[in-house]
Amino acid sequence: MILEIFLPIPVNKSFFYKLDGNESIKIGNLVNVNFRNKYLVGLVWNIIPEANINKTIKPVIRVYQDIRFNDEILNSISFIAKYTCNSISSILKLFLSGFSDKDFDKKNNKSLSILDLNERFITKALLNEDQKNVLHKIENNNPGKFNVVLLDGVTGSGKTRVYMHALLKNLKLGFQSVVLVPEKVLTKQWINELSTDFGISPEIYHSSVSLKNRSRIWHGINKNDLKIVIGTRSALFLPFKKLGLIVVDEEHDSSFKQEEGVIVNARDLAIVRARNSNSQIILSSATPSIETLLNCKKRKYQRVRLSKRVGKSELPILNVIDMKEEVKEKNRWISKKLIKQIKLTLGEKKQTLIFLNKRGYAPAIVCKKCGHSKICKNCDFTLALHKNSNHKNKTNLLCHYCNYRETFINKCDKCNNSECFIAVGPGIERIYEEVKNTFPNSKICLLSSDIIKNQNDWDKIVSPIMKNEVDIIIGTQIISKGHHFPHLKTVGILNIDNLLNSFDLRASEKAYQLITQVSGRAGREEMRGKVFIQTFQPNHPVISSIITSKKENFIDWELSERKKNLQPPYSKLI
């Protein structure tokens, strides 16, 4: 018997091996083979009962009888490979990333991911009337069949609580579930809520989890012993046997798109896996992507909405600060109106968040003698200046696209002058300097991906924030993703014009999402928050839509602009 096998290697072709003896095998089985004197795990793609081949064909070394990718996985691999112009081998590599031959024969001790499903837990997770109505619509939307539901709710409306109940019902029916989150640091927040309020102990799966644990989870999912996994996009490539529900939290987030190596969008792949497994998928966001909203308008997806915050919490008061009316002072980027509000917030013993989506000290440095700027030698993008990067306590130049780094030397390569570079524009480290000088007695912390490398870093920084031991938080986009800071009252958004005026065709969409998400961090408890948006374009359609709370107006405007210019989602770009 001849087997056509795909291997997880960077070669766009299959290979043929023979199976001796009477050992049973099926399409989808995993096997161990010798490939160029290396032992690799491969996927049986086709079985040829008889073949007249003159060449010597190597035998299969081992058949993993208990590991077989079902039709859903095989169809998903085939579709995604064609749709994304990737090879089957490269997609297979993603599905095998957690597989370990060493753990194949080990038994998984954890049989179920349910601690206790009695009323003691469920009473902690009660829903309000709006949430109940939305959950009812979700549960009655073609039950037991493939369907896509967009859960569109304002920040703080309790979207998480709603789909936790949907997840619980799916779990009781014996199905497996996966919850995708955009950042690793969000997984712990999910775990705490599920364990405390629902008595569910899910598994965490992402690249920072040890290889041993990833392998344990991979085999547990394959045997249908483990029922629920929470993780980043890599969790979607686990070999689920009985998939019943997929949740994509913050579905609009760009983190779901893998842009290095194999380029895939996990949100789109999640929909493919849900379709092929005939299961439900919930896309959740306060600011859904334009593609998803268009599919709702076409009635491909069902859209359910939560328009009010939970409890007594109200949406924050939004203010626009016209920076054209500000008298600009040298090396100062925070407006006088925002400084005044920060002082009031400090007097109330509440917290302020200053948001700037620029890492480092300055986005660029320029020679004041000849105008030369430092450029990345790999990709020709401008190098950003980093002063507080904790990288051997040196000032560095960093490329934010390829992570190339070099020590900053204040000498121009072009004109050979020394001490001639000046920093252009602010990054959060520069804003930190300004805030420290303006409020010397305040406790200030920085939040960015340069500082937070793992869960421990996140816990060390966030713990004092949750205890109200920090007065002013300065952060980048990492703070916009689903975090709940109970003592945060004031939010200041700086330099949003930089995004509004970028050449990205999604610039307006991203700006709307970012402003809305960051604003949503304010006043999530009983106090009402205040948000101040600094801009030179107060009449921009994005700003106007946010200030007037006319979300549908922005959606219609953005869709009309895309259609007029023949841009996605009305076209595909290559």
Protein backbone atom coordinates (compact mmCIF):
# COMPACT_ATOMS: atom_id res chain seq x y z
CA MET A 1 0.00 0.00 0.00
CA ILE A 2 1.40 3.41 -1.05
CA LEU A 3 0.71 6.50 1.06
CA GLU A 4 0.79 10.10 -0.13
CA ILE A 5 2.13 12.08 2.82
CA PHE A 6 2.60 15.78 3.55
CA LEU A 7 5.44 16.77 5.87
CA PRO A 8 5.75 20.00 7.92
CA ILE A 9 8.69 21.30 5.89
CA PRO A 10 9.08 24.34 3.58
CA VAL A 11 8.50 22.30 0.42
CA ASN A 12 5.31 22.66 -1.61
CA LYS A 13 4.83 18.98 -2.48
CA SER A 14 3.80 15.63 -1.03
CA PHE A 15 5.94 12.48 -0.72
CA PHE A 16 5.23 8.78 -1.15
CA TYR A 17 5.96 6.03 1.38
CA LYS A 18 4.86 2.41 1.58
CA LEU A 19 3.15 0.63 4.43
CA ASP A 20 4.17 -2.97 4.91
CA GLY A 21 2.17 -5.61 6.72
CA ASN A 22 -1.47 -5.64 7.71
CA GLU A 23 -1.44 -2.51 9.86
CA SER A 24 -4.64 -0.50 9.40
CA ILE A 25 -4.43 3.11 8.30
CA LYS A 26 -6.81 5.85 7.20
CA ILE A 27 -6.56 9.21 5.48
CA GLY A 28 -5.79 11.77 8.20
CA ASN A 29 -3.59 9.46 10.28
CA LEU A 30 -0.28 10.80 11.52
CA VAL A 31 2.79 8.70 10.77
CA ASN A 32 6.51 8.77 11.48
CA VAL A 33 8.82 8.58 8.45
CA ASN A 34 12.47 8.91 7.54
CA PHE A 35 13.06 12.00 5.40
CA ARG A 36 16.67 12.66 4.43
CA ASN A 37 17.93 10.81 7.49
CA LYS A 38 15.64 12.72 9.83
CA TYR A 39 12.57 11.33 11.54
CA LEU A 40 9.53 13.51 10.81
CA VAL A 41 5.82 13.34 11.60
CA GLY A 42 3.67 13.43 8.49
CA LEU A 43 -0.01 13.49 7.54
CA VAL A 44 -1.54 10.77 5.36
CA TRP A 45 -3.28 12.70 2.56
CA ASN A 46 -4.14 9.83 0.22
CA ILE A 47 -3.96 6.01 0.09
CA ILE A 48 -3.09 4.23 -3.13
CA PRO A 49 -3.89 0.46 -2.83
CA GLU A 50 -1.65 -0.59 -5.71
CA ALA A 51 0.99 1.23 -7.74
CA ASN A 52 3.68 0.22 -10.21
CA ILE A 53 6.61 2.34 -9.18
CA ASN A 54 10.14 1.43 -10.21
CA LYS A 55 11.85 3.66 -7.67
CA THR A 56 12.71 2.50 -4.15
CA ILE A 57 10.09 3.75 -1.70
CA LYS A 58 10.91 4.07 1.98
CA PRO A 59 8.61 2.35 4.46
CA VAL A 60 6.57 4.13 7.11
CA ILE A 61 8.31 3.72 10.46
CA ARG A 62 5.30 4.11 12.70
CA VAL A 63 1.56 4.74 12.48
CA TYR A 64 0.06 6.75 15.35
CA GLN A 65 -3.17 4.80 15.52
CA ASP A 66 -4.91 7.07 18.03
CA ILE A 67 -4.10 10.29 16.18
CA ARG A 68 -6.16 11.02 13.13
CA PHE A 69 -7.14 14.42 11.80
CA ASN A 70 -10.85 14.30 11.04
CA ASP A 71 -12.51 15.58 7.87
CA GLU A 72 -13.04 19.00 9.41
CA ILE A 73 -9.30 19.52 9.93
CA LEU A 74 -8.37 18.12 6.52
CA ASN A 75 -10.92 20.33 4.76
CA SER A 76 -9.80 23.36 6.76
CA ILE A 77 -6.12 22.76 5.91
CA SER A 78 -6.97 22.39 2.22
CA PHE A 79 -9.15 25.52 2.10
CA ILE A 80 -6.80 27.79 4.03
CA ALA A 81 -3.80 26.67 1.95
CA LYS A 82 -5.62 27.63 -1.27
CA TYR A 83 -7.23 30.80 0.09
CA THR A 84 -4.02 32.23 1.55
CA CYS A 85 -1.69 30.96 -1.19
CA ASN A 86 0.28 28.89 1.31
CA SER A 87 1.41 25.31 0.87
CA ILE A 88 -0.42 22.46 2.62
CA SER A 89 2.90 21.63 4.29
CA SER A 90 3.17 25.09 5.89
CA ILE A 91 -0.41 24.97 7.22
CA LEU A 92 0.21 21.43 8.51
CA LYS A 93 3.20 22.72 10.45
CA LEU A 94 0.89 25.05 12.38
CA PHE A 95 -1.42 22.16 13.28
CA LEU A 96 1.55 20.06 14.46
CA SER A 97 3.27 22.83 16.46
CA GLY A 98 2.10 21.34 19.77
CA PHE A 99 2.60 17.67 18.87
CA SER A 100 5.28 15.73 20.70
CA ASP A 101 6.20 12.13 19.92
CA LYS A 102 7.44 11.73 23.50
CA ASP A 103 4.01 12.41 24.96
CA PHE A 104 2.09 10.19 22.55
CA ASP A 105 1.91 7.21 24.90
CA LYS A 106 1.30 9.22 28.07
CA LYS A 107 -2.15 9.33 29.57
CA ASN A 108 -3.77 12.70 30.11
CA ASN A 109 -4.64 12.95 33.79
CA LYS A 110 -7.08 15.79 33.37
CA SER A 111 -10.22 14.22 31.95
CA LEU A 112 -12.54 17.23 31.95
CA SER A 113 -12.19 21.00 32.24
CA ILE A 114 -15.16 21.31 34.62
CA LEU A 115 -14.63 21.79 38.35
CA ASP A 116 -18.22 22.12 39.42
CA LEU A 117 -21.32 23.07 37.45
CA ASN A 118 -23.82 23.61 40.25
CA GLU A 119 -25.91 26.60 41.28
CA ARG A 120 -23.24 27.79 43.73
CA PHE A 121 -21.27 29.08 40.76
CA ILE A 122 -24.06 30.00 38.36
CA THR A 123 -25.69 32.43 40.81
CA LYS A 124 -22.49 34.50 40.74
CA ALA A 125 -22.83 34.92 36.99
CA LEU A 126 -26.36 36.34 36.74
CA LEU A 127 -27.28 38.32 33.63
CA ASN A 128 -29.29 41.53 33.37
CA GLU A 129 -32.29 41.73 31.04
CA ASP A 130 -30.31 43.05 28.05
CA GLN A 131 -27.77 40.25 28.42
CA LYS A 132 -30.50 37.62 28.76
CA ASN A 133 -32.19 38.82 25.57
CA VAL A 134 -28.92 38.72 23.65
CA LEU A 135 -28.06 35.25 24.99
CA HIS A 136 -31.54 34.02 23.99
CA LYS A 137 -30.93 35.24 20.41
CA ILE A 138 -27.54 33.54 20.30
CA GLU A 139 -28.87 30.22 21.62
CA ASN A 140 -31.81 30.22 19.23
CA ASN A 141 -29.83 31.07 16.11
CA ASN A 142 -29.93 27.76 14.20
CA PRO A 143 -28.84 25.59 17.16
CA GLY A 144 -26.61 22.67 16.22
CA LYS A 145 -25.71 24.19 12.85
CA PHE A 146 -23.01 26.47 11.55
CA ASN A 147 -23.79 30.12 12.18
CA VAL A 148 -21.84 33.31 12.81
CA VAL A 149 -23.02 35.73 15.49
CA LEU A 150 -21.56 39.20 15.96
CA LEU A 151 -21.88 40.26 19.59
CA ASP A 152 -21.64 44.06 19.26
CA GLY A 153 -21.68 45.76 22.66
CA VAL A 154 -20.37 49.02 24.07
CA THR A 155 -17.32 48.82 26.34
CA GLY A 156 -18.31 47.60 29.79
CA SER A 157 -21.63 46.09 28.64
CA GLY A 158 -20.73 42.57 29.80
CA LYS A 159 -20.15 40.85 26.46
CA THR A 160 -17.77 38.41 28.14
CA ARG A 161 -20.43 37.34 30.61
CA VAL A 162 -22.89 36.63 27.79
CA TYR A 163 -20.69 34.31 25.78
CA MET A 164 -19.46 32.62 28.94
CA HIS A 165 -23.03 31.38 29.38
CA ALA A 166 -23.11 30.20 25.75
CA LEU A 167 -19.80 28.45 26.36
CA LEU A 168 -21.16 26.81 29.51
CA LYS A 169 -24.17 25.39 27.63
CA ASN A 170 -21.88 24.04 24.90
CA LEU A 171 -19.72 22.42 27.57
CA LYS A 172 -22.72 20.72 29.22
CA LEU A 173 -23.65 19.21 25.86
CA GLY A 174 -20.24 17.55 25.73
CA PHE A 175 -18.71 19.69 22.98
CA GLN A 176 -15.27 21.27 22.90
CA SER A 177 -14.80 25.04 22.83
CA VAL A 178 -12.00 27.45 22.06
CA VAL A 179 -11.81 31.13 23.03
CA LEU A 180 -9.37 33.27 21.08
CA VAL A 181 -7.99 36.46 22.64
CA PRO A 182 -5.63 38.95 20.94
CA GLU A 183 -3.01 39.14 23.71
CA LYS A 184 -1.43 36.57 26.04
CA VAL A 185 -2.00 38.82 29.07
CA LEU A 186 -5.78 38.58 28.57
CA THR A 187 -5.83 34.81 29.12
CA LYS A 188 -5.28 35.06 32.88
CA GLN A 189 -8.15 37.55 33.23
CA TRP A 190 -10.40 35.04 31.46
CA ILE A 191 -9.22 32.14 33.60
CA ASN A 192 -9.95 34.00 36.85
CA GLU A 193 -13.49 34.90 35.80
CA LEU A 194 -14.36 31.45 34.49
CA SER A 195 -12.99 29.71 37.57
CA THR A 196 -14.54 32.11 40.10
CA ASP A 197 -17.99 32.57 38.57
CA PHE A 198 -18.56 29.40 36.60
CA GLY A 199 -16.42 26.73 38.23
CA ILE A 200 -14.68 26.02 34.92
CA SER A 201 -10.95 25.37 34.75
CA PRO A 202 -9.85 25.91 31.13
CA GLU A 203 -6.45 25.36 29.60
CA ILE A 204 -4.22 28.23 28.46
CA TYR A 205 -2.48 27.83 25.12
CA HIS A 206 -0.04 30.28 23.53
CA SER A 207 3.62 30.51 22.54
CA SER A 208 4.85 31.31 26.06
CA VAL A 209 3.37 28.12 27.51
CA SER A 210 6.07 25.47 28.01
CA LEU A 211 6.52 22.82 25.30
CA LYS A 212 5.61 20.13 27.81
CA ASN A 213 2.27 21.75 28.64
CA ARG A 214 1.49 22.57 25.03
CA SER A 215 2.08 18.91 24.14
CA ARG A 216 -0.14 17.77 27.03
CA ILE A 217 -2.94 20.06 25.84
CA TRP A 218 -2.49 19.01 22.20
CA HIS A 219 -2.89 15.32 23.05
CA GLY A 220 -5.72 16.03 25.51
CA ILE A 221 -7.66 17.90 22.83
CA ASN A 222 -7.00 15.12 20.30
CA LYS A 223 -8.40 12.51 22.70
CA ASN A 224 -11.40 14.74 23.51
CA ASP A 225 -10.35 14.68 27.18
CA LEU A 226 -9.96 18.46 27.39
CA LYS A 227 -13.03 20.50 26.58
CA ILE A 228 -12.09 24.17 26.66
CA VAL A 229 -8.98 26.13 25.67
CA ILE A 230 -8.31 29.86 25.92
CA GLY A 231 -5.42 31.24 23.93
CA THR A 232 -4.04 33.37 21.17
CA ARG A 233 -4.34 32.52 17.48
CA SER A 234 -2.14 29.40 17.85
CA ALA A 235 -4.92 27.76 19.92
CA LEU A 236 -7.03 27.58 16.76
CA PHE A 237 -4.62 25.00 15.29
CA LEU A 238 -5.32 22.38 17.97
CA PRO A 239 -6.80 19.07 16.69
CA PHE A 240 -10.32 19.37 18.11
CA LYS A 241 -12.40 16.21 17.84
CA LYS A 242 -15.84 17.56 18.75
CA LEU A 243 -15.79 21.31 18.25
CA GLY A 244 -19.06 23.00 19.22
CA LEU A 245 -18.26 26.67 19.81
CA ILE A 246 -15.56 29.17 18.85
CA VAL A 247 -15.39 32.63 20.44
CA VAL A 248 -13.18 35.35 18.94
CA ASP A 249 -12.85 38.09 21.56
CA GLU A 250 -12.01 41.57 20.20
CA GLU A 251 -12.51 40.16 16.70
CA HIS A 252 -11.41 43.42 15.07
CA ASP A 253 -7.91 43.24 16.55
CA SER A 254 -5.01 43.12 14.11
CA SER A 255 -3.15 40.67 16.40
CA PHE A 256 -5.27 37.89 14.93
CA LYS A 257 -3.47 38.31 11.63
CA GLN A 258 -0.17 36.45 11.42
CA GLU A 259 2.09 38.42 9.10
CA GLU A 260 5.39 36.61 9.48
CA GLY A 261 6.13 33.36 7.68
CA VAL A 262 2.73 31.82 7.00
CA ILE A 263 0.33 34.73 6.54
CA VAL A 264 -3.14 33.85 7.85
CA ASN A 265 -5.97 35.67 9.60
CA ALA A 266 -7.07 33.63 12.61
CA ARG A 267 -10.52 35.24 12.67
CA ASP A 268 -11.19 34.11 9.09
CA LEU A 269 -9.76 30.67 9.76
CA ALA A 270 -11.97 30.39 12.86
CA ILE A 271 -15.02 30.93 10.65
CA VAL A 272 -13.76 28.24 8.25
CA ARG A 273 -13.26 25.76 11.09
CA ALA A 274 -16.71 26.54 12.49
CA ARG A 275 -18.28 25.97 9.06
CA ASN A 276 -16.45 22.71 8.50
CA SER A 277 -17.31 21.41 11.98
CA ASN A 278 -20.92 22.62 11.71
CA SER A 279 -20.58 24.64 14.91
CA GLN A 280 -21.35 28.14 16.12
CA ILE A 281 -18.88 31.01 16.21
CA ILE A 282 -19.30 34.23 18.20
CA LEU A 283 -17.35 37.31 17.09
CA SER A 284 -17.28 39.80 19.95
CA SER A 285 -16.25 43.45 19.89
CA ALA A 286 -17.27 46.98 20.85
CA THR A 287 -15.82 48.11 17.53
CA PRO A 288 -16.37 45.33 14.96
CA SER A 289 -14.30 45.25 11.79
CA ILE A 290 -15.76 46.73 8.61
CA GLU A 291 -15.62 43.29 6.92
CA THR A 292 -17.72 41.76 9.68
CA LEU A 293 -20.23 44.62 9.66
CA LEU A 294 -20.68 44.33 5.90
CA ASN A 295 -21.38 40.60 6.28
CA CYS A 296 -24.04 41.50 8.84
CA LYS A 297 -25.62 43.96 6.41
CA LYS A 298 -25.65 41.16 3.81
CA ARG A 299 -27.26 38.93 6.48
CA LYS A 300 -24.49 36.37 6.29
CA TYR A 301 -23.93 36.94 10.02
CA GLN A 302 -26.44 37.75 12.74
CA ARG A 303 -25.73 40.94 14.72
CA VAL A 304 -26.87 41.17 18.35
CA ARG A 305 -26.23 44.30 20.42
CA LEU A 306 -25.65 45.46 23.97
CA SER A 307 -26.10 49.23 24.09
CA LYS A 308 -25.76 49.89 27.82
CA ARG A 309 -23.04 49.33 30.39
CA VAL A 310 -23.57 46.90 33.24
CA GLY A 311 -24.91 48.23 36.55
CA LYS A 312 -24.77 51.94 37.33
CA SER A 313 -21.78 52.61 35.12
CA GLU A 314 -22.28 55.11 32.29
CA LEU A 315 -20.30 55.71 29.13
CA PRO A 316 -17.67 58.44 29.62
CA ILE A 317 -18.10 62.10 28.69
CA LEU A 318 -16.12 62.80 25.52
CA ASN A 319 -14.27 66.08 24.95
CA VAL A 320 -12.29 67.27 21.92
CA ILE A 321 -9.32 69.57 22.43
CA ASP A 322 -8.55 71.58 19.28
CA MET A 323 -4.75 71.73 19.27
CA LYS A 324 -4.82 74.63 16.77
CA GLU A 325 -5.96 76.81 19.65
CA GLU A 326 -3.14 75.67 21.93
CA VAL A 327 0.01 77.75 22.35
CA LYS A 328 2.74 75.18 21.68
CA GLU A 329 5.59 75.12 24.17
CA LYS A 330 8.89 73.47 23.36
CA ASN A 331 9.04 69.76 24.26
CA ARG A 332 5.50 69.81 25.68
CA TRP A 333 2.79 67.64 24.14
CA ILE A 334 0.00 67.60 26.73
CA SER A 335 -2.55 70.41 26.42
CA LYS A 336 -3.33 72.82 29.25
CA LYS A 337 -6.94 71.59 29.39
CA LEU A 338 -5.80 68.00 29.90
CA ILE A 339 -3.25 69.04 32.56
CA LYS A 340 -6.01 70.87 34.42
CA GLN A 341 -8.22 67.75 34.33
CA ILE A 342 -5.35 65.53 35.53
CA LYS A 343 -4.87 67.85 38.54
CA LEU A 344 -8.59 67.54 39.38
CA THR A 345 -8.42 63.75 39.04
CA LEU A 346 -5.36 63.55 41.31
CA GLY A 347 -7.26 65.64 43.90
CA GLU A 348 -10.07 63.07 43.83
CA LYS A 349 -7.54 60.23 44.40
CA LYS A 350 -8.51 58.70 41.05
CA GLN A 351 -6.36 57.57 38.13
CA THR A 352 -5.51 59.09 34.76
CA LEU A 353 -4.55 57.22 31.61
CA ILE A 354 -2.53 58.98 28.91
CA PHE A 355 -2.60 57.11 25.63
CA LEU A 356 -0.07 57.53 22.84
CA ASN A 357 0.37 54.81 20.24
CA LYS A 358 4.11 55.41 19.85
CA ARG A 359 6.64 53.22 21.63
CA GLY A 360 10.02 54.49 22.76
CA TYR A 361 11.21 58.06 23.29
CA ALA A 362 10.80 59.45 19.77
CA PRO A 363 9.62 57.96 16.44
CA ALA A 364 12.66 59.36 14.60
CA ILE A 365 15.93 61.25 14.99
CA VAL A 366 17.23 63.80 12.46
CA CYS A 367 20.62 65.45 12.04
CA LYS A 368 20.13 69.20 12.52
CA LYS A 369 23.17 69.88 10.33
CA CYS A 370 22.30 67.95 7.15
CA GLY A 371 18.78 66.57 7.70
CA HIS A 372 19.87 62.91 7.60
CA SER A 373 17.76 60.45 9.63
CA LYS A 374 18.70 56.99 10.89
CA ILE A 375 17.18 54.20 8.77
CA CYS A 376 16.94 50.46 9.42
CA LYS A 377 19.52 48.60 7.35
CA ASN A 378 17.13 45.68 6.85
CA CYS A 379 13.87 47.28 5.78
CA ASP A 380 14.52 51.02 5.21
CA PHE A 381 12.08 52.18 7.88
CA THR A 382 12.95 54.99 10.27
CA LEU A 383 14.60 53.85 13.50
CA ALA A 384 12.88 54.92 16.73
CA LEU A 385 14.84 56.22 19.72
CA HIS A 386 14.45 54.21 22.95
CA LYS A 387 15.92 55.49 26.20
CA ASN A 388 14.23 53.32 28.83
CA SER A 389 14.19 49.97 27.06
CA ASN A 390 16.14 48.18 29.84
CA HIS A 391 18.42 46.78 27.14
CA LYS A 392 21.79 46.80 28.93
CA ASN A 393 20.90 50.31 30.22
CA LYS A 394 21.82 51.87 26.89
CA THR A 395 20.00 54.29 24.61
CA ASN A 396 19.05 52.32 21.51
CA LEU A 397 17.68 52.78 18.03
CA LEU A 398 15.01 50.20 17.25
CA CYS A 399 13.12 49.26 14.10
CA HIS A 400 9.47 48.68 15.01
CA TYR A 401 8.98 46.49 11.94
CA CYS A 402 11.81 43.95 12.04
CA ASN A 403 13.15 44.57 15.61
CA TYR A 404 16.65 45.45 14.36
CA ARG A 405 18.48 47.22 17.18
CA GLU A 406 21.65 49.25 17.43
CA THR A 407 23.23 51.35 20.18
CA PHE A 408 22.59 55.06 19.64
CA ILE A 409 25.75 57.03 18.84
CA ASN A 410 25.18 60.76 18.45
CA LYS A 411 27.25 61.11 15.29
CA CYS A 412 25.91 61.55 11.77
CA ASP A 413 27.17 59.00 9.24
CA LYS A 414 26.47 61.39 6.38
CA CYS A 415 28.09 64.68 7.48
CA ASN A 416 30.35 63.30 10.26
CA ASN A 417 29.16 65.90 12.80
CA SER A 418 28.84 64.86 16.45
CA GLU A 419 26.11 65.72 19.00
CA CYS A 420 23.91 66.76 16.11
CA PHE A 421 20.84 64.52 16.29
CA ILE A 422 17.54 65.83 17.58
CA ALA A 423 14.51 63.73 18.54
CA VAL A 424 11.45 64.33 16.34
CA GLY A 425 8.00 63.86 17.85
CA PRO A 426 6.97 62.14 21.08
CA GLY A 427 6.95 58.50 22.15
CA ILE A 428 5.59 57.36 25.50
CA GLU A 429 9.03 57.63 27.16
CA ARG A 430 9.12 61.32 26.19
CA ILE A 431 5.59 61.81 27.51
CA TYR A 432 6.74 60.12 30.73
CA GLU A 433 9.45 62.79 31.11
CA GLU A 434 6.89 65.56 30.60
CA VAL A 435 4.42 64.07 33.08
CA LYS A 436 7.18 63.50 35.65
CA ASN A 437 8.24 67.15 35.39
CA THR A 438 4.64 68.41 35.54
CA PHE A 439 3.50 66.13 38.39
CA PRO A 440 6.73 65.33 40.33
CA ASN A 441 4.91 63.89 43.35
CA SER A 442 2.69 61.50 41.41
CA LYS A 443 3.23 57.78 40.97
CA ILE A 444 3.56 57.07 37.25
CA CYS A 445 3.88 53.82 35.31
CA LEU A 446 4.56 52.92 31.67
CA LEU A 447 2.70 50.20 29.80
CA SER A 448 4.02 49.03 26.43
CA SER A 449 5.20 45.87 24.70
CA ASP A 450 8.81 46.96 25.29
CA ILE A 451 8.27 46.71 29.04
CA ILE A 452 5.79 43.83 29.26
CA LYS A 453 7.40 40.67 27.91
CA ASN A 454 5.42 38.04 29.83
CA GLN A 455 2.63 37.45 32.34
CA ASN A 456 4.88 38.19 35.33
CA ASP A 457 5.80 41.62 33.95
CA TRP A 458 2.12 42.35 33.41
CA ASP A 459 1.16 41.26 36.94
CA LYS A 460 3.90 43.40 38.54
CA ILE A 461 2.70 46.52 36.75
CA VAL A 462 -1.06 45.96 36.85
CA SER A 463 -1.31 44.88 40.50
CA PRO A 464 -0.52 48.40 41.88
CA ILE A 465 -2.91 49.91 39.30
CA MET A 466 -5.75 47.70 40.52
CA LYS A 467 -4.98 48.72 44.13
CA ASN A 468 -5.05 52.44 43.19
CA GLU A 469 -1.36 52.77 44.05
CA VAL A 470 -0.62 54.40 40.67
CA ASP A 471 -1.80 57.92 39.83
CA ILE A 472 -0.99 58.24 36.13
CA ILE A 473 -0.70 55.44 33.55
CA ILE A 474 1.05 56.11 30.26
CA GLY A 475 0.57 53.45 27.63
CA THR A 476 0.37 52.32 24.04
CA GLN A 477 -2.17 50.12 22.25
CA ILE A 478 -1.65 47.28 24.73
CA ILE A 479 -3.90 49.05 27.26
CA SER A 480 -6.89 49.23 24.90
CA LYS A 481 -7.69 45.51 24.86
CA GLY A 482 -10.36 44.55 27.33
CA HIS A 483 -8.68 45.65 30.58
CA HIS A 484 -10.75 46.77 33.54
CA PHE A 485 -9.14 49.42 35.76
CA PRO A 486 -11.72 50.21 38.50
CA HIS A 487 -10.16 53.50 39.68
CA LEU A 488 -9.57 55.04 36.25
CA LYS A 489 -11.54 58.24 35.72
CA THR A 490 -9.71 60.37 33.14
CA VAL A 491 -8.32 59.35 29.75
CA GLY A 492 -6.20 61.60 27.55
CA ILE A 493 -5.60 60.56 23.92
CA LEU A 494 -2.59 62.22 22.28
CA ASN A 495 -1.51 62.57 18.64
CA ILE A 496 -4.40 60.63 17.10
CA ASP A 497 -3.87 62.69 13.90
CA ASN A 498 -0.81 60.57 13.20
CA LEU A 499 -3.11 57.58 12.62
CA LEU A 500 -5.92 59.52 10.91
CA ASN A 501 -3.49 60.83 8.29
CA SER A 502 -1.59 57.60 7.61
CA PHE A 503 -1.62 55.94 4.18
CA ASP A 504 -3.26 52.76 5.52
CA LEU A 505 -6.57 52.18 3.75
CA ARG A 506 -7.94 51.16 7.16
CA ALA A 507 -6.68 54.34 8.87
CA SER A 508 -10.13 55.73 9.71
CA GLU A 509 -11.41 52.33 10.86
CA LYS A 510 -8.38 51.76 13.10
CA ALA A 511 -8.59 55.27 14.54
CA TYR A 512 -12.28 54.83 15.35
CA GLN A 513 -11.62 51.48 17.00
CA LEU A 514 -8.63 52.71 18.98
CA ILE A 515 -10.31 55.88 20.29
CA THR A 516 -13.45 53.95 21.25
CA GLN A 517 -11.55 51.13 22.97
CA VAL A 518 -9.21 53.45 24.91
CA SER A 519 -12.12 55.71 25.90
CA GLY A 520 -13.93 52.65 27.19
CA ARG A 521 -11.34 52.16 29.93
CA ALA A 522 -12.66 55.27 31.74
CA GLY A 523 -15.32 55.18 34.44
CA ARG A 524 -16.13 51.48 34.42
CA GLU A 525 -17.35 51.51 38.01
CA GLU A 526 -19.96 53.87 39.51
CA MET A 527 -18.05 57.09 38.76
CA ARG A 528 -18.49 58.58 35.29
CA GLY A 529 -15.30 58.92 33.30
CA LYS A 530 -14.01 61.76 31.15
CA VAL A 531 -12.09 61.44 27.91
CA PHE A 532 -10.06 64.18 26.21
CA ILE A 533 -9.04 63.74 22.58
CA GLN A 534 -6.23 66.03 21.39
CA THR A 535 -6.46 66.68 17.64
CA PHE A 536 -5.80 69.24 14.92
CA GLN A 537 -8.84 67.88 13.03
CA PRO A 538 -11.84 68.20 15.38
CA ASN A 539 -14.27 68.02 12.43
CA HIS A 540 -12.87 64.80 10.97
CA PRO A 541 -15.72 62.28 10.32
CA VAL A 542 -14.11 59.80 12.76
CA ILE A 543 -13.91 62.35 15.59
CA SER A 544 -17.41 63.68 14.89
CA SER A 545 -18.95 60.19 14.90
CA ILE A 546 -17.33 59.32 18.23
CA ILE A 547 -18.27 62.58 19.94
CA THR A 548 -21.91 62.39 18.81
CA SER A 549 -22.09 58.61 19.54
CA LYS A 550 -23.31 57.98 15.99
CA LYS A 551 -21.61 54.67 15.33
CA GLU A 552 -23.87 53.69 12.45
CA ASN A 553 -23.08 56.98 10.69
CA PHE A 554 -19.38 56.17 10.80
CA ILE A 555 -19.98 52.62 9.51
CA ASP A 556 -22.07 53.88 6.59
CA TRP A 557 -19.53 56.62 5.78
CA GLU A 558 -16.56 54.24 5.89
CA LEU A 559 -18.33 51.61 3.76
CA SER A 560 -19.28 54.23 1.18
CA GLU A 561 -15.67 55.48 1.01
CA ARG A 562 -14.37 51.93 0.55
CA LYS A 563 -16.95 51.17 -2.14
CA LYS A 564 -16.24 54.42 -3.99
CA ASN A 565 -12.50 53.68 -4.04
CA LEU A 566 -12.96 49.96 -4.75
CA GLN A 567 -11.13 48.99 -1.56
CA PRO A 568 -11.66 45.95 0.71
CA PRO A 569 -14.14 44.56 1.64
CA TYR A 570 -15.45 45.41 -1.86
CA SER A 571 -12.29 44.08 -3.47
CA LYS A 572 -9.24 41.92 -2.70
CA LEU A 573 -5.74 43.33 -2.88
CA ILE A 574 -2.67 41.39 -3.98
